């Protein structure tokens, strides 16, 4: 993986003279596809590129990389204790929650942009537009943030944007094993003097392949058959385990 990163940075270095008269920023992805197989344990994608002007020069220019995944509905419930039994209590539903969110920058985003700009580009957990239905309590939003960060699908400054020389940059986006399939959007923002002066959008697709894709297709297309097969496999596994332990 390090050899790939070095090769990409060499490519950017060779292209840097051409950028002197080109767009303010040029970015690419090391791959536009993440494949989930049965042995998938996570993956990382490298965002790399070059800027027209030197990073950190005068005036100071900074880079921000933000990745978002398909939205999904999430229900957050509070457990209540009734006579020693834990039951589901009040709940809040968030209908449009990003399934994945990662933010990186050459500096912390609040050091680069004012609050108004951060809110406009949804930079940082505090600026995510999480519309809620049900109990309006800030504790449910805080619980959602905690859950998403715990499983690695929401990352705030997990890894910084690295600079190589004056104009080359790279950032690595890590996708956990629990990442969902779908189309992802990566935005690369160039900021100068407390405002975004250029942006570039990149696309990435996460999809299942091989046996994992076949199992997912069966579960969606024929849920009854999928359920029966799961029960049969569970029974066979239990029977085989009992036979092995009896022999031992």
C-alpha atoms as a PDB file:
ATOM      1  CA  UNK A   1       0.000   0.000   0.000  1.00  0.00           C
ATOM      2  CA  UNK A   2       2.897   2.369   0.710  1.00  0.00           C
ATOM      3  CA  UNK A   3       4.304   1.697  -2.771  1.00  0.00           C
ATOM      4  CA  UNK A   4       0.940   2.648  -4.289  1.00  0.00           C
ATOM      5  CA  UNK A   5       0.839   5.884  -2.304  1.00  0.00           C
ATOM      6  CA  UNK A   6       4.374   6.783  -3.375  1.00  0.00           C
ATOM      7  CA  UNK A   7       3.565   6.064  -7.014  1.00  0.00           C
ATOM      8  CA  UNK A   8       0.509   8.308  -6.831  1.00  0.00           C
ATOM      9  CA  UNK A   9       2.506  11.114  -5.265  1.00  0.00           C
ATOM     10  CA  UNK A  10       5.140  10.775  -7.983  1.00  0.00           C
ATOM     11  CA  UNK A  11       2.366  11.098 -10.554  1.00  0.00           C
ATOM     12  CA  UNK A  12       1.143  14.281  -8.879  1.00  0.00           C
ATOM     13  CA  UNK A  13       4.696  15.643  -8.790  1.00  0.00           C
ATOM     14  CA  UNK A  14       5.078  15.091 -12.528  1.00  0.00           C
ATOM     15  CA  UNK A  15       1.745  16.789 -13.178  1.00  0.00           C
ATOM     16  CA  UNK A  16       2.406  19.747 -10.886  1.00  0.00           C
ATOM     17  CA  UNK A  17       3.937  22.023 -13.605  1.00  0.00           C
ATOM     18  CA  UNK A  18       0.820  21.599 -15.734  1.00  0.00           C
ATOM     19  CA  UNK A  19      -1.344  22.686 -12.811  1.00  0.00           C
ATOM     20  CA  UNK A  20       0.388  26.049 -12.598  1.00  0.00           C
ATOM     21  CA  UNK A  21      -1.964  27.378 -15.280  1.00  0.00           C
ATOM     22  CA  UNK A  22      -4.851  24.982 -14.606  1.00  0.00           C
ATOM     23  CA  UNK A  23      -7.632  24.722 -12.018  1.00  0.00           C
ATOM     24  CA  UNK A  24      -6.952  25.715  -8.372  1.00  0.00           C
ATOM     25  CA  UNK A  25      -7.170  22.062  -7.308  1.00  0.00           C
ATOM     26  CA  UNK A  26      -7.017  18.657  -8.991  1.00  0.00           C
ATOM     27  CA  UNK A  27      -7.824  15.472  -7.071  1.00  0.00           C
ATOM     28  CA  UNK A  28      -8.256  11.776  -7.805  1.00  0.00           C
ATOM     29  CA  UNK A  29      -8.982   8.522  -5.965  1.00  0.00           C
ATOM     30  CA  UNK A  30      -6.712   5.488  -5.843  1.00  0.00           C
ATOM     31  CA  UNK A  31      -9.807   3.460  -6.767  1.00  0.00           C
ATOM     32  CA  UNK A  32     -13.443   4.241  -7.510  1.00  0.00           C
ATOM     33  CA  UNK A  33     -14.727   0.909  -6.242  1.00  0.00           C
ATOM     34  CA  UNK A  34     -14.606  -0.928  -2.910  1.00  0.00           C
ATOM     35  CA  UNK A  35     -15.541  -4.605  -3.125  1.00  0.00           C
ATOM     36  CA  UNK A  36     -17.076  -6.421  -0.178  1.00  0.00           C
ATOM     37  CA  UNK A  37     -16.442 -10.173  -0.182  1.00  0.00           C
ATOM     38  CA  UNK A  38     -17.139 -12.806   2.461  1.00  0.00           C
ATOM     39  CA  UNK A  39     -13.749 -12.131   4.064  1.00  0.00           C
ATOM     40  CA  UNK A  40     -14.042  -8.332   3.999  1.00  0.00           C
ATOM     41  CA  UNK A  41     -12.477  -6.707   7.074  1.00  0.00           C
ATOM     42  CA  UNK A  42     -12.425  -3.117   5.885  1.00  0.00           C
ATOM     43  CA  UNK A  43     -10.636  -1.082   3.231  1.00  0.00           C
ATOM     44  CA  UNK A  44      -8.973   2.276   2.696  1.00  0.00           C
ATOM     45  CA  UNK A  45      -9.031   4.630  -0.271  1.00  0.00           C
ATOM     46  CA  UNK A  46      -6.394   7.245  -0.974  1.00  0.00           C
ATOM     47  CA  UNK A  47      -7.432  10.745  -2.061  1.00  0.00           C
ATOM     48  CA  UNK A  48      -4.514  12.504  -3.725  1.00  0.00           C
ATOM     49  CA  UNK A  49      -3.827  15.499  -5.921  1.00  0.00           C
ATOM     50  CA  UNK A  50      -2.175  18.875  -6.294  1.00  0.00           C
ATOM     51  CA  UNK A  51      -3.007  22.547  -5.888  1.00  0.00           C
ATOM     52  CA  UNK A  52      -2.193  25.464  -8.145  1.00  0.00           C
ATOM     53  CA  UNK A  53      -0.718  27.565  -5.342  1.00  0.00           C
ATOM     54  CA  UNK A  54       1.577  26.390  -2.531  1.00  0.00           C
ATOM     55  CA  UNK A  55      -0.263  25.079   0.527  1.00  0.00           C
ATOM     56  CA  UNK A  56       0.412  27.067   3.654  1.00  0.00           C
ATOM     57  CA  UNK A  57       1.816  29.985   1.621  1.00  0.00           C
ATOM     58  CA  UNK A  58       0.820  33.625   1.782  1.00  0.00           C
ATOM     59  CA  UNK A  59      -2.142  33.888   1.830  1.00  0.00           C
ATOM     60  CA  UNK A  60      -2.521  30.574   3.655  1.00  0.00           C
ATOM     61  CA  UNK A  61      -4.407  27.854   1.759  1.00  0.00           C
ATOM     62  CA  UNK A  62      -5.814  24.731   3.418  1.00  0.00           C
ATOM     63  CA  UNK A  63      -7.459  21.542   2.213  1.00  0.00           C
ATOM     64  CA  UNK A  64     -10.497  19.754   3.615  1.00  0.00           C
ATOM     65  CA  UNK A  65     -11.652  16.297   2.549  1.00  0.00           C
ATOM     66  CA  UNK A  66     -15.138  15.082   3.495  1.00  0.00           C
ATOM     67  CA  UNK A  67     -16.669  11.736   2.529  1.00  0.00           C
ATOM     68  CA  UNK A  68     -20.356  10.865   2.908  1.00  0.00           C
ATOM     69  CA  UNK A  69     -22.276   7.677   2.236  1.00  0.00           C
ATOM     70  CA  UNK A  70     -25.896   6.800   1.409  1.00  0.00           C
ATOM     71  CA  UNK A  71     -28.497   8.030   3.897  1.00  0.00           C
ATOM     72  CA  UNK A  72     -30.558   5.668   6.027  1.00  0.00           C
ATOM     73  CA  UNK A  73     -33.222   5.819   8.720  1.00  0.00           C
ATOM     74  CA  UNK A  74     -32.068   5.253  12.302  1.00  0.00           C
ATOM     75  CA  UNK A  75     -34.182   4.839  15.434  1.00  0.00           C
ATOM     76  CA  UNK A  76     -32.601   5.647  18.794  1.00  0.00           C
ATOM     77  CA  UNK A  77     -34.391   4.242  21.848  1.00  0.00           C
ATOM     78  CA  UNK A  78     -33.931   4.780  25.539  1.00  0.00           C
ATOM     79  CA  UNK A  79     -34.153   1.766  27.815  1.00  0.00           C
ATOM     80  CA  UNK A  80     -36.224   2.128  30.994  1.00  0.00           C
ATOM     81  CA  UNK A  81     -36.255  -0.122  34.037  1.00  0.00           C
ATOM     82  CA  UNK A  82     -39.722  -1.311  35.088  1.00  0.00           C
ATOM     83  CA  UNK A  83     -39.720  -3.563  38.148  1.00  0.00           C
ATOM     84  CA  UNK A  84     -36.264  -4.864  37.335  1.00  0.00           C
ATOM     85  CA  UNK A  85     -37.067  -5.469  33.647  1.00  0.00           C
ATOM     86  CA  UNK A  86     -35.493  -3.344  30.945  1.00  0.00           C
ATOM     87  CA  UNK A  87     -38.007  -2.214  28.333  1.00  0.00           C
ATOM     88  CA  UNK A  88     -37.982   0.101  25.327  1.00  0.00           C
ATOM     89  CA  UNK A  89     -38.879   3.619  26.380  1.00  0.00           C
ATOM     90  CA  UNK A  90     -39.074   6.922  24.476  1.00  0.00           C
ATOM     91  CA  UNK A  91     -37.528   6.936  21.006  1.00  0.00           C
ATOM     92  CA  UNK A  92     -36.532   9.319  18.242  1.00  0.00           C
ATOM     93  CA  UNK A  93     -36.276   8.508  14.546  1.00  0.00           C
ATOM     94  CA  UNK A  94     -33.700  10.186  12.327  1.00  0.00           C
ATOM     95  CA  UNK A  95     -34.928   9.593   8.735  1.00  0.00           C
ATOM     96  CA  UNK A  96     -31.895  10.900   6.795  1.00  0.00           C
ATOM     97  CA  UNK A  97     -28.692   9.863   8.531  1.00  0.00           C
ATOM     98  CA  UNK A  98     -25.464   9.501   6.505  1.00  0.00           C
ATOM     99  CA  UNK A  99     -24.428   5.856   6.617  1.00  0.00           C
ATOM    100  CA  UNK A 100     -20.807   7.012   6.512  1.00  0.00           C
ATOM    101  CA  UNK A 101     -19.109  10.314   7.291  1.00  0.00           C
ATOM    102  CA  UNK A 102     -15.396  11.082   7.407  1.00  0.00           C
ATOM    103  CA  UNK A 103     -13.697  14.464   7.737  1.00  0.00           C
ATOM    104  CA  UNK A 104     -10.021  15.354   7.359  1.00  0.00           C
ATOM    105  CA  UNK A 105      -8.055  18.560   6.849  1.00  0.00           C
ATOM    106  CA  UNK A 106      -4.612  20.082   6.836  1.00  0.00           C
ATOM    107  CA  UNK A 107      -5.761  21.708  10.093  1.00  0.00           C
ATOM    108  CA  UNK A 108      -8.828  21.423  12.301  1.00  0.00           C
ATOM    109  CA  UNK A 109     -11.802  22.690  10.330  1.00  0.00           C
ATOM    110  CA  UNK A 110     -12.713  25.356  12.910  1.00  0.00           C
ATOM    111  CA  UNK A 111      -9.201  26.764  12.450  1.00  0.00           C
ATOM    112  CA  UNK A 112      -9.777  27.020   8.691  1.00  0.00           C
ATOM    113  CA  UNK A 113     -13.370  28.210   8.259  1.00  0.00           C
ATOM    114  CA  UNK A 114     -15.868  30.259  10.301  1.00  0.00           C
ATOM    115  CA  UNK A 115     -19.059  28.691  11.595  1.00  0.00           C
ATOM    116  CA  UNK A 116     -21.215  29.924   8.696  1.00  0.00           C
ATOM    117  CA  UNK A 117     -18.982  28.260   6.088  1.00  0.00           C
ATOM    118  CA  UNK A 118     -18.758  25.053   8.108  1.00  0.00           C
ATOM    119  CA  UNK A 119     -22.530  24.911   8.361  1.00  0.00           C
ATOM    120  CA  UNK A 120     -22.965  25.491   4.620  1.00  0.00           C
ATOM    121  CA  UNK A 121     -20.696  22.577   3.688  1.00  0.00           C
ATOM    122  CA  UNK A 122     -21.773  20.360   6.625  1.00  0.00           C
ATOM    123  CA  UNK A 123     -18.295  20.127   8.066  1.00  0.00           C
ATOM    124  CA  UNK A 124     -18.120  18.478  11.462  1.00  0.00           C
ATOM    125  CA  UNK A 125     -20.606  16.485  13.508  1.00  0.00           C
ATOM    126  CA  UNK A 126     -22.206  19.629  14.915  1.00  0.00           C
ATOM    127  CA  UNK A 127     -23.142  20.782  11.404  1.00  0.00           C
ATOM    128  CA  UNK A 128     -24.762  17.588  10.154  1.00  0.00           C
ATOM    129  CA  UNK A 129     -28.444  18.178   9.415  1.00  0.00           C
ATOM    130  CA  UNK A 130     -30.008  15.383  11.420  1.00  0.00           C
ATOM    131  CA  UNK A 131     -33.757  15.888  11.209  1.00  0.00           C
ATOM    132  CA  UNK A 132     -35.556  14.034  14.007  1.00  0.00           C
ATOM    133  CA  UNK A 133     -39.078  12.663  14.433  1.00  0.00           C
ATOM    134  CA  UNK A 134     -40.477  11.823  17.844  1.00  0.00           C
ATOM    135  CA  UNK A 135     -39.069  12.876  21.189  1.00  0.00           C
ATOM    136  CA  UNK A 136     -37.147  16.147  20.738  1.00  0.00           C
ATOM    137  CA  UNK A 137     -34.328  15.658  23.187  1.00  0.00           C
ATOM    138  CA  UNK A 138     -30.649  16.547  22.480  1.00  0.00           C
ATOM    139  CA  UNK A 139     -29.641  13.379  24.338  1.00  0.00           C
ATOM    140  CA  UNK A 140     -30.892  11.237  21.438  1.00  0.00           C
ATOM    141  CA  UNK A 141     -28.686  13.107  18.950  1.00  0.00           C
ATOM    142  CA  UNK A 142     -25.715  12.698  21.281  1.00  0.00           C
ATOM    143  CA  UNK A 143     -26.463   8.963  21.553  1.00  0.00           C
ATOM    144  CA  UNK A 144     -26.604   8.680  17.752  1.00  0.00           C
ATOM    145  CA  UNK A 145     -23.212  10.374  17.422  1.00  0.00           C
ATOM    146  CA  UNK A 146     -21.724   8.033  20.007  1.00  0.00           C
ATOM    147  CA  UNK A 147     -23.097   4.899  18.301  1.00  0.00           C
ATOM    148  CA  UNK A 148     -21.903   5.909  14.835  1.00  0.00           C
ATOM    149  CA  UNK A 149     -18.417   6.756  16.072  1.00  0.00           C
ATOM    150  CA  UNK A 150     -18.175   3.514  18.039  1.00  0.00           C
ATOM    151  CA  UNK A 151     -18.592   1.324  14.941  1.00  0.00           C
ATOM    152  CA  UNK A 152     -16.206   3.428  12.842  1.00  0.00           C
ATOM    153  CA  UNK A 153     -18.736   4.700  10.319  1.00  0.00           C
ATOM    154  CA  UNK A 154     -18.458   8.320  11.482  1.00  0.00           C
ATOM    155  CA  UNK A 155     -14.947   9.733  11.710  1.00  0.00           C
ATOM    156  CA  UNK A 156     -13.945  13.267  12.576  1.00  0.00           C
ATOM    157  CA  UNK A 157     -10.232  13.960  11.973  1.00  0.00           C
ATOM    158  CA  UNK A 158      -9.358  10.270  11.977  1.00  0.00           C
ATOM    159  CA  UNK A 159      -6.341  11.054   9.751  1.00  0.00           C
ATOM    160  CA  UNK A 160      -5.016  14.444   8.607  1.00  0.00           C
ATOM    161  CA  UNK A 161      -4.486  15.585   5.040  1.00  0.00           C
ATOM    162  CA  UNK A 162      -0.769  15.103   4.408  1.00  0.00           C
ATOM    163  CA  UNK A 163       1.371  17.422   2.317  1.00  0.00           C
ATOM    164  CA  UNK A 164       4.358  16.426   0.188  1.00  0.00           C
ATOM    165  CA  UNK A 165       6.273  19.465  -0.943  1.00  0.00           C
ATOM    166  CA  UNK A 166       4.371  22.690  -1.518  1.00  0.00           C
ATOM    167  CA  UNK A 167       1.490  21.587  -3.752  1.00  0.00           C
ATOM    168  CA  UNK A 168       0.983  17.826  -3.393  1.00  0.00           C
ATOM    169  CA  UNK A 169      -1.467  16.358  -0.887  1.00  0.00           C
ATOM    170  CA  UNK A 170      -2.992  13.025   0.101  1.00  0.00           C
ATOM    171  CA  UNK A 171      -5.561  11.751   2.585  1.00  0.00           C
ATOM    172  CA  UNK A 172      -6.615   8.220   3.423  1.00  0.00           C
ATOM    173  CA  UNK A 173     -10.272   7.332   4.036  1.00  0.00           C
ATOM    174  CA  UNK A 174     -10.772   4.174   6.093  1.00  0.00           C
ATOM    175  CA  UNK A 175     -13.932   2.137   5.591  1.00  0.00           C
ATOM    176  CA  UNK A 176     -14.802  -0.316   8.413  1.00  0.00           C
ATOM    177  CA  UNK A 177     -16.044  -3.862   7.893  1.00  0.00           C
ATOM    178  CA  UNK A 178     -19.595  -2.652   8.649  1.00  0.00           C
ATOM    179  CA  UNK A 179     -19.668  -0.146   5.763  1.00  0.00           C
ATOM    180  CA  UNK A 180     -22.883  -0.294   3.744  1.00  0.00           C
ATOM    181  CA  UNK A 181     -23.106  -0.656  -0.010  1.00  0.00           C
ATOM    182  CA  UNK A 182     -24.057   2.207  -2.307  1.00  0.00           C
ATOM    183  CA  UNK A 183     -22.692   5.364  -3.897  1.00  0.00           C
ATOM    184  CA  UNK A 184     -20.355   7.580  -1.889  1.00  0.00           C
ATOM    185  CA  UNK A 185     -19.382  11.199  -2.452  1.00  0.00           C
ATOM    186  CA  UNK A 186     -15.957  12.627  -1.635  1.00  0.00           C
ATOM    187  CA  UNK A 187     -15.542  16.411  -1.672  1.00  0.00           C
ATOM    188  CA  UNK A 188     -12.152  18.102  -1.718  1.00  0.00           C
ATOM    189  CA  UNK A 189     -12.379  21.747  -0.614  1.00  0.00           C
ATOM    190  CA  UNK A 190      -9.692  24.388  -0.998  1.00  0.00           C
ATOM    191  CA  UNK A 191      -9.971  27.224   1.527  1.00  0.00           C
ATOM    192  CA  UNK A 192      -8.286  30.601   1.656  1.00  0.00           C
ATOM    193  CA  UNK A 193      -8.844  33.502   4.059  1.00  0.00           C
ATOM    194  CA  UNK A 194     -11.790  31.916   5.892  1.00  0.00           C
ATOM    195  CA  UNK A 195     -13.764  30.840   2.831  1.00  0.00           C
ATOM    196  CA  UNK A 196     -13.935  27.992   0.305  1.00  0.00           C
ATOM    197  CA  UNK A 197     -12.507  29.127  -3.042  1.00  0.00           C
ATOM    198  CA  UNK A 198     -12.643  25.820  -4.966  1.00  0.00           C
ATOM    199  CA  UNK A 199     -14.153  22.364  -4.629  1.00  0.00           C
ATOM    200  CA  UNK A 200     -14.047  19.093  -6.498  1.00  0.00           C
ATOM    201  CA  UNK A 201     -16.426  16.149  -6.189  1.00  0.00           C
ATOM    202  CA  UNK A 202     -15.320  12.537  -6.597  1.00  0.00           C
ATOM    203  CA  UNK A 203     -17.501   9.419  -6.689  1.00  0.00           C
ATOM    204  CA  UNK A 204     -16.935   6.018  -5.135  1.00  0.00           C
ATOM    205  CA  UNK A 205     -19.070   2.879  -5.152  1.00  0.00           C
ATOM    206  CA  UNK A 206     -19.126   0.194  -2.465  1.00  0.00           C
ATOM    207  CA  UNK A 207     -20.624  -3.110  -3.605  1.00  0.00           C
ATOM    208  CA  UNK A 208     -20.697  -6.779  -2.710  1.00  0.00           C
ATOM    209  CA  UNK A 209     -19.000  -9.310  -4.947  1.00  0.00           C
ATOM    210  CA  UNK A 210     -18.797 -13.101  -5.162  1.00  0.00           C
ATOM    211  CA  UNK A 211     -20.533 -15.196  -2.506  1.00  0.00           C
ATOM    212  CA  UNK A 212     -21.371 -12.142  -0.399  1.00  0.00           C
ATOM    213  CA  UNK A 213     -23.277 -10.648  -3.344  1.00  0.00           C
ATOM    214  CA  UNK A 214     -25.141 -13.923  -3.957  1.00  0.00           C
ATOM    215  CA  UNK A 215     -26.197 -14.184  -0.300  1.00  0.00           C
ATOM    216  CA  UNK A 216     -27.371 -10.560  -0.223  1.00  0.00           C
ATOM    217  CA  UNK A 217     -29.313 -11.046  -3.466  1.00  0.00           C
ATOM    218  CA  UNK A 218     -31.002 -14.179  -2.077  1.00  0.00           C
ATOM    219  CA  UNK A 219     -31.926 -12.408   1.175  1.00  0.00           C
ATOM    220  CA  UNK A 220     -33.551  -9.529  -0.746  1.00  0.00           C
ATOM    221  CA  UNK A 221     -35.192 -11.517  -3.525  1.00  0.00           C
ATOM    222  CA  UNK A 222     -36.336 -14.631  -1.659  1.00  0.00           C
ATOM    223  CA  UNK A 223     -36.410 -13.868   2.071  1.00  0.00           C
ATOM    224  CA  UNK A 224     -38.471 -16.984   2.918  1.00  0.00           C
ATOM    225  CA  UNK A 225     -35.981 -19.336   1.258  1.00  0.00           C
ATOM    226  CA  UNK A 226     -33.106 -17.451   2.864  1.00  0.00           C
ATOM    227  CA  UNK A 227     -34.688 -17.869   6.305  1.00  0.00           C
ATOM    228  CA  UNK A 228     -35.262 -21.602   5.767  1.00  0.00           C
ATOM    229  CA  UNK A 229     -31.659 -22.111   4.654  1.00  0.00           C
ATOM    230  CA  UNK A 230     -30.387 -20.248   7.716  1.00  0.00           C
ATOM    231  CA  UNK A 231     -32.441 -22.494  10.001  1.00  0.00           C
ATOM    232  CA  UNK A 232     -31.253 -25.656   8.212  1.00  0.00           C
ATOM    233  CA  UNK A 233     -27.609 -24.566   8.440  1.00  0.00           C
ATOM    234  CA  UNK A 234     -28.007 -23.724  12.131  1.00  0.00           C
ATOM    235  CA  UNK A 235     -29.514 -27.173  12.825  1.00  0.00           C
ATOM    236  CA  UNK A 236     -26.722 -28.912  10.906  1.00  0.00           C
ATOM    237  CA  UNK A 237     -24.071 -26.903  12.741  1.00  0.00           C
ATOM    238  CA  UNK A 238     -25.631 -27.813  16.095  1.00  0.00           C
ATOM    239  CA  UNK A 239     -25.849 -31.489  15.184  1.00  0.00           C
ATOM    240  CA  UNK A 240     -22.259 -31.571  13.936  1.00  0.00           C
ATOM    241  CA  UNK A 241     -21.054 -29.861  17.102  1.00  0.00           C
ATOM    242  CA  UNK A 242     -22.865 -32.371  19.320  1.00  0.00           C
ATOM    243  CA  UNK A 243     -21.322 -35.282  17.390  1.00  0.00           C
ATOM    244  CA  UNK A 244     -17.800 -33.894  17.705  1.00  0.00           C
ATOM    245  CA  UNK A 245     -18.125 -33.142  21.419  1.00  0.00           C
ATOM    246  CA  UNK A 246     -19.641 -36.587  22.094  1.00  0.00           C
ATOM    247  CA  UNK A 247     -16.646 -38.249  20.456  1.00  0.00           C
ATOM    248  CA  UNK A 248     -14.216 -36.179  22.497  1.00  0.00           C
END
